[in-house]
Amino acid sequence: MRLLRAMGGILLTLLCASGVEATDSIRVAAIFPLAGVAAKNGASSVLGVRLGVGEINARGGVLGKRVDLMILDNGSTPIGSSVAAERAE
């Protein structure tokens, strides 16, 4: 339940901070290490985030809008994180 509340808070913050267009869904990018030395941890994190987003969507989404999750790989490197963040825009 804490994870669900935290995810909801993060999503609401992202919604308010980014000029979201009027659509039927909210796109959220999440950057994880899916390759490289931290890939095992990244895979577990992705499962947790997908579970949280699934629960949020099952309860009506955020402000009535479905959350669409975009998972990006940073290759376990800082440069990979920067590239993934640019790709998310």
C-alpha atoms as a PDB file:
ATOM      1  CA  MET A   1       0.000   0.000   0.000  1.00  0.00           C
ATOM      2  CA  ARG A   2       2.889   2.360   0.726  1.00  0.00           C
ATOM      3  CA  LEU A   3       4.292   1.680  -2.725  1.00  0.00           C
ATOM      4  CA  LEU A   4       0.930   2.480  -4.275  1.00  0.00           C
ATOM      5  CA  ARG A   5       0.716   5.781  -2.399  1.00  0.00           C
ATOM      6  CA  ALA A   6       4.293   6.664  -3.281  1.00  0.00           C
ATOM      7  CA  MET A   7       3.718   5.849  -6.954  1.00  0.00           C
ATOM      8  CA  GLY A   8       0.537   7.931  -6.948  1.00  0.00           C
ATOM      9  CA  GLY A   9       2.380  10.847  -5.379  1.00  0.00           C
ATOM     10  CA  ILE A  10       5.207  10.610  -7.888  1.00  0.00           C
ATOM     11  CA  LEU A  11       2.788  10.399 -10.785  1.00  0.00           C
ATOM     12  CA  LEU A  12       0.804  13.401  -9.557  1.00  0.00           C
ATOM     13  CA  THR A  13       4.020  15.370  -9.151  1.00  0.00           C
ATOM     14  CA  LEU A  14       5.070  14.488 -12.680  1.00  0.00           C
ATOM     15  CA  LEU A  15       1.642  15.401 -13.958  1.00  0.00           C
ATOM     16  CA  CYS A  16       1.718  18.813 -12.324  1.00  0.00           C
ATOM     17  CA  ALA A  17       5.351  19.546 -13.189  1.00  0.00           C
ATOM     18  CA  SER A  18       5.211  18.646 -16.873  1.00  0.00           C
ATOM     19  CA  GLY A  19       2.855  20.402 -19.237  1.00  0.00           C
ATOM     20  CA  VAL A  20       0.774  17.302 -19.923  1.00  0.00           C
ATOM     21  CA  GLU A  21      -1.481  17.589 -22.935  1.00  0.00           C
ATOM     22  CA  ALA A  22      -5.155  16.699 -22.708  1.00  0.00           C
ATOM     23  CA  THR A  23      -5.131  12.996 -23.582  1.00  0.00           C
ATOM     24  CA  ASP A  24      -6.742   9.838 -22.297  1.00  0.00           C
ATOM     25  CA  SER A  25      -3.505   8.655 -20.697  1.00  0.00           C
ATOM     26  CA  ILE A  26      -0.452   9.896 -18.838  1.00  0.00           C
ATOM     27  CA  ARG A  27       2.914   8.764 -20.151  1.00  0.00           C
ATOM     28  CA  VAL A  28       5.582   8.084 -17.541  1.00  0.00           C
ATOM     29  CA  ALA A  29       9.153   7.112 -18.391  1.00  0.00           C
ATOM     30  CA  ALA A  30      11.123   4.992 -15.927  1.00  0.00           C
ATOM     31  CA  ILE A  31      14.860   4.435 -16.353  1.00  0.00           C
ATOM     32  CA  PHE A  32      16.384   1.244 -14.964  1.00  0.00           C
ATOM     33  CA  PRO A  33      19.593  -0.769 -15.405  1.00  0.00           C
ATOM     34  CA  LEU A  34      18.414  -3.663 -17.568  1.00  0.00           C
ATOM     35  CA  ALA A  35      21.871  -4.490 -18.935  1.00  0.00           C
ATOM     36  CA  GLY A  36      25.287  -4.394 -17.309  1.00  0.00           C
ATOM     37  CA  VAL A  37      26.358  -5.007 -13.721  1.00  0.00           C
ATOM     38  CA  ALA A  38      23.110  -3.853 -12.072  1.00  0.00           C
ATOM     39  CA  ALA A  39      20.721  -5.612 -14.455  1.00  0.00           C
ATOM     40  CA  LYS A  40      19.448  -8.048 -11.826  1.00  0.00           C
ATOM     41  CA  ASN A  41      18.368  -5.178  -9.560  1.00  0.00           C
ATOM     42  CA  GLY A  42      16.839  -3.316 -12.479  1.00  0.00           C
ATOM     43  CA  ALA A  43      14.693  -6.289 -13.464  1.00  0.00           C
ATOM     44  CA  SER A  44      13.257  -6.497  -9.947  1.00  0.00           C
ATOM     45  CA  SER A  45      12.552  -2.765  -9.945  1.00  0.00           C
ATOM     46  CA  VAL A  46      10.737  -2.968 -13.265  1.00  0.00           C
ATOM     47  CA  LEU A  47       8.480  -5.708 -11.914  1.00  0.00           C
ATOM     48  CA  GLY A  48       7.636  -3.570  -8.880  1.00  0.00           C
ATOM     49  CA  VAL A  49       6.877  -0.473 -10.914  1.00  0.00           C
ATOM     50  CA  ARG A  50       4.740  -2.419 -13.379  1.00  0.00           C
ATOM     51  CA  LEU A  51       2.808  -3.907 -10.477  1.00  0.00           C
ATOM     52  CA  GLY A  52       2.254  -0.449  -8.974  1.00  0.00           C
ATOM     53  CA  VAL A  53       1.147   1.078 -12.263  1.00  0.00           C
ATOM     54  CA  GLY A  54      -1.175  -1.879 -12.833  1.00  0.00           C
ATOM     55  CA  GLU A  55      -2.792  -1.292  -9.444  1.00  0.00           C
ATOM     56  CA  ILE A  56      -3.136   2.434 -10.114  1.00  0.00           C
ATOM     57  CA  ASN A  57      -4.769   1.768 -13.484  1.00  0.00           C
ATOM     58  CA  ALA A  58      -7.070  -0.871 -11.973  1.00  0.00           C
ATOM     59  CA  ARG A  59      -8.344   1.764  -9.540  1.00  0.00           C
ATOM     60  CA  GLY A  60      -9.146   4.275 -12.245  1.00  0.00           C
ATOM     61  CA  GLY A  61      -5.725   5.727 -12.978  1.00  0.00           C
ATOM     62  CA  VAL A  62      -4.581   9.207 -11.992  1.00  0.00           C
ATOM     63  CA  LEU A  63      -7.304  11.831 -12.174  1.00  0.00           C
ATOM     64  CA  GLY A  64      -9.290   9.368 -14.254  1.00  0.00           C
ATOM     65  CA  LYS A  65      -6.501   8.875 -16.795  1.00  0.00           C
ATOM     66  CA  ARG A  66      -4.689   5.625 -17.507  1.00  0.00           C
ATOM     67  CA  VAL A  67      -0.939   5.576 -16.801  1.00  0.00           C
ATOM     68  CA  ASP A  68       1.216   4.356 -19.703  1.00  0.00           C
ATOM     69  CA  LEU A  69       4.661   3.232 -18.573  1.00  0.00           C
ATOM     70  CA  MET A  70       7.723   3.514 -20.817  1.00  0.00           C
ATOM     71  CA  ILE A  71      10.638   1.415 -19.518  1.00  0.00           C
ATOM     72  CA  LEU A  72      14.094   2.555 -20.637  1.00  0.00           C
ATOM     73  CA  ASP A  73      17.492   0.892 -20.083  1.00  0.00           C
ATOM     74  CA  ASN A  74      20.483   2.889 -18.859  1.00  0.00           C
ATOM     75  CA  GLY A  75      22.953   0.025 -19.292  1.00  0.00           C
ATOM     76  CA  SER A  76      24.070   0.509 -15.673  1.00  0.00           C
ATOM     77  CA  THR A  77      25.958   3.699 -16.606  1.00  0.00           C
ATOM     78  CA  PRO A  78      25.476   7.401 -15.928  1.00  0.00           C
ATOM     79  CA  ILE A  79      25.844   8.179 -19.619  1.00  0.00           C
ATOM     80  CA  GLY A  80      23.207   5.562 -20.382  1.00  0.00           C
ATOM     81  CA  SER A  81      20.862   7.332 -17.972  1.00  0.00           C
ATOM     82  CA  SER A  82      21.391  10.608 -19.789  1.00  0.00           C
ATOM     83  CA  VAL A  83      20.724   9.015 -23.169  1.00  0.00           C
ATOM     84  CA  ALA A  84      17.617   7.269 -21.848  1.00  0.00           C
ATOM     85  CA  ALA A  85      16.296  10.535 -20.373  1.00  0.00           C
ATOM     86  CA  GLU A  86      16.710  12.273 -23.723  1.00  0.00           C
ATOM     87  CA  ARG A  87      14.923   9.398 -25.436  1.00  0.00           C
ATOM     88  CA  ALA A  88      12.035   9.761 -22.980  1.00  0.00           C
ATOM     89  CA  GLU A  89      11.292  13.325 -24.003  1.00  0.00           C
END
